[in-house]
Amino acid sequence: MRDENDGAALKSRIRYIVDKLVFRLRTARAQAGSVAFTVRYSDNKATQRSMRLLSPTSDFTLLYNCCCLLFEQAYSRRIAVRKLSVTAKPFLEQECQLDLFDNAAQVKQENMGRSIGTIRMRMGFEIVQNGNLVEYNKN
């Protein structure tokens, strides 16, 4: 990643790294129990914020929203950002209460995520790209 100040480009980068994180979690059949987000600036100083999740998840939408919130908390300086990174700690079963019932939207999202993960495992991660990351050639 090149040094960046543009908010839209940074949000797009967050979507990409969260997408890769979710793919790695689903490939390992794991779920995140907490998330840590790091912002490294062009002068090599870094800020990290973390969040413990209420319930374990590998859902893209939930993890993306958490990372956007953590980014807003960590992005305190007004100089260019060199690197964004996110890490997830797997949950420990004794640490939380699992949800007993999933709503229809959660089930639909999980099914779609599994389908995308299957395609990516067969053909590579880059075969399915996030809609915000695709650049269109305007002629």
Protein backbone atom coordinates (compact mmCIF):
# COMPACT_ATOMS: atom_id res chain seq x y z
CA MET A 1 0.00 0.00 0.00
CA ARG A 2 1.30 3.44 -0.82
CA ASP A 3 1.00 6.27 1.68
CA GLU A 4 -2.60 7.44 1.61
CA ASN A 5 -4.74 10.26 3.06
CA ASP A 6 -7.94 9.75 1.07
CA GLY A 7 -10.76 8.50 3.30
CA ALA A 8 -12.53 6.57 0.54
CA ALA A 9 -9.33 4.76 -0.43
CA LEU A 10 -8.65 3.87 3.21
CA LYS A 11 -12.20 2.50 3.65
CA SER A 12 -11.75 0.47 0.47
CA ARG A 13 -8.50 -0.94 1.86
CA ILE A 14 -10.27 -1.84 5.12
CA ARG A 15 -12.89 -3.77 3.12
CA TYR A 16 -10.15 -5.68 1.34
CA ILE A 17 -8.19 -6.66 4.47
CA VAL A 18 -11.36 -7.65 6.34
CA ASP A 19 -12.41 -9.73 3.34
CA LYS A 20 -9.05 -11.54 3.45
CA LEU A 21 -9.38 -12.03 7.22
CA VAL A 22 -12.87 -13.54 6.85
CA PHE A 23 -11.60 -15.85 4.11
CA ARG A 24 -8.76 -17.05 6.37
CA LEU A 25 -11.16 -17.57 9.28
CA ARG A 26 -13.61 -19.57 7.16
CA THR A 27 -10.83 -21.61 5.58
CA ALA A 28 -9.60 -22.54 9.06
CA ARG A 29 -13.20 -23.10 10.25
CA ALA A 30 -12.56 -20.57 13.01
CA GLN A 31 -14.42 -17.59 14.39
CA ALA A 32 -13.10 -14.36 15.81
CA GLY A 33 -13.55 -13.62 19.49
CA SER A 34 -11.76 -10.27 19.37
CA VAL A 35 -10.36 -7.98 16.71
CA ALA A 36 -7.29 -5.73 16.77
CA PHE A 37 -6.80 -2.99 14.18
CA THR A 38 -3.48 -1.24 13.56
CA VAL A 39 -2.81 1.98 11.68
CA ARG A 40 0.84 2.62 10.74
CA TYR A 41 1.65 6.15 9.57
CA SER A 42 4.23 7.29 7.02
CA ASP A 43 6.63 8.26 9.86
CA ASN A 44 6.46 4.61 11.11
CA LYS A 45 4.47 5.42 14.26
CA ALA A 46 1.57 3.07 14.86
CA THR A 47 -1.71 3.11 16.76
CA GLN A 48 -3.67 0.00 17.67
CA ARG A 49 -7.20 -0.42 18.97
CA SER A 50 -8.94 -3.66 19.83
CA MET A 51 -12.43 -4.87 20.57
CA ARG A 52 -13.84 -7.99 22.14
CA LEU A 53 -16.87 -9.30 20.27
CA LEU A 54 -20.11 -10.16 22.06
CA SER A 55 -20.38 -13.44 20.21
CA PRO A 56 -17.87 -15.28 18.00
CA THR A 57 -18.24 -14.61 14.30
CA SER A 58 -16.71 -14.92 10.86
CA ASP A 59 -19.35 -12.64 9.31
CA PHE A 60 -17.91 -10.06 6.90
CA THR A 61 -20.44 -7.32 7.62
CA LEU A 62 -20.02 -7.47 11.38
CA LEU A 63 -16.23 -7.62 11.25
CA TYR A 64 -16.11 -4.80 8.68
CA ASN A 65 -18.27 -2.56 10.87
CA CYS A 66 -16.06 -3.34 13.89
CA CYS A 67 -12.91 -2.53 11.91
CA CYS A 68 -14.37 0.75 10.65
CA LEU A 69 -15.15 1.74 14.23
CA LEU A 70 -11.66 0.74 15.38
CA PHE A 71 -10.11 2.64 12.45
CA GLU A 72 -11.98 5.80 13.44
CA GLN A 73 -10.69 5.42 17.00
CA ALA A 74 -7.10 4.73 15.89
CA TYR A 75 -6.86 7.31 13.10
CA SER A 76 -5.97 10.31 15.24
CA ARG A 77 -3.12 11.90 13.27
CA ARG A 78 -3.50 13.88 10.08
CA ILE A 79 -0.51 12.47 8.22
CA ALA A 80 -0.51 9.81 5.52
CA VAL A 81 -1.25 6.20 6.40
CA ARG A 82 1.32 3.67 5.25
CA LYS A 83 -0.26 0.41 6.37
CA LEU A 84 -3.52 -0.90 7.77
CA SER A 85 -3.73 -4.32 9.37
CA VAL A 86 -6.28 -6.36 11.23
CA THR A 87 -5.85 -9.45 13.36
CA ALA A 88 -8.43 -11.64 15.02
CA LYS A 89 -8.03 -13.83 18.06
CA PRO A 90 -10.06 -17.01 17.97
CA PHE A 91 -12.73 -17.25 20.62
CA LEU A 92 -12.46 -19.61 23.54
CA GLU A 93 -15.67 -21.50 24.17
CA GLN A 94 -15.66 -20.81 27.90
CA GLU A 95 -15.50 -17.03 27.34
CA CYS A 96 -18.94 -16.38 25.88
CA GLN A 97 -22.51 -17.50 25.47
CA LEU A 98 -23.37 -18.57 21.93
CA ASP A 99 -26.55 -17.29 20.29
CA LEU A 100 -29.30 -19.88 20.46
CA PHE A 101 -31.23 -18.66 17.42
CA ASP A 102 -29.99 -17.09 14.18
CA ASN A 103 -32.26 -14.74 12.29
CA ALA A 104 -32.96 -15.21 8.58
CA ALA A 105 -30.55 -12.45 7.52
CA GLN A 106 -27.68 -14.08 9.45
CA VAL A 107 -28.36 -17.46 7.86
CA LYS A 108 -28.50 -15.90 4.38
CA GLN A 109 -25.23 -14.01 4.98
CA GLU A 110 -23.49 -17.15 6.27
CA ASN A 111 -24.65 -19.20 3.27
CA MET A 112 -23.42 -16.54 0.86
CA GLY A 113 -20.08 -16.34 2.70
CA ARG A 114 -19.66 -20.12 2.54
CA SER A 115 -20.39 -20.11 -1.21
CA ILE A 116 -17.87 -17.34 -1.88
CA GLY A 117 -15.32 -19.14 0.30
CA THR A 118 -15.78 -22.37 -1.64
CA ILE A 119 -15.24 -20.58 -4.95
CA ARG A 120 -12.14 -18.83 -3.58
CA MET A 121 -10.68 -22.07 -2.24
CA ARG A 122 -11.04 -23.68 -5.67
CA MET A 123 -9.93 -20.78 -7.84
CA GLY A 124 -7.95 -18.40 -5.58
CA PHE A 125 -8.83 -15.44 -3.38
CA GLU A 126 -8.70 -12.80 -6.12
CA ILE A 127 -11.33 -14.53 -8.30
CA VAL A 128 -14.18 -12.94 -6.29
CA GLN A 129 -13.59 -9.26 -5.60
CA ASN A 130 -15.45 -6.80 -3.46
CA GLY A 131 -17.63 -4.42 -5.50
CA ASN A 132 -16.06 -1.31 -3.96
CA LEU A 133 -12.57 -2.43 -4.95
CA VAL A 134 -13.19 -2.86 -8.66
CA GLU A 135 -12.09 0.16 -10.68
CA TYR A 136 -14.06 0.79 -13.84
CA ASN A 137 -12.48 2.25 -16.95
CA LYS A 138 -14.52 5.31 -17.92
CA ASN A 139 -14.14 6.06 -21.63
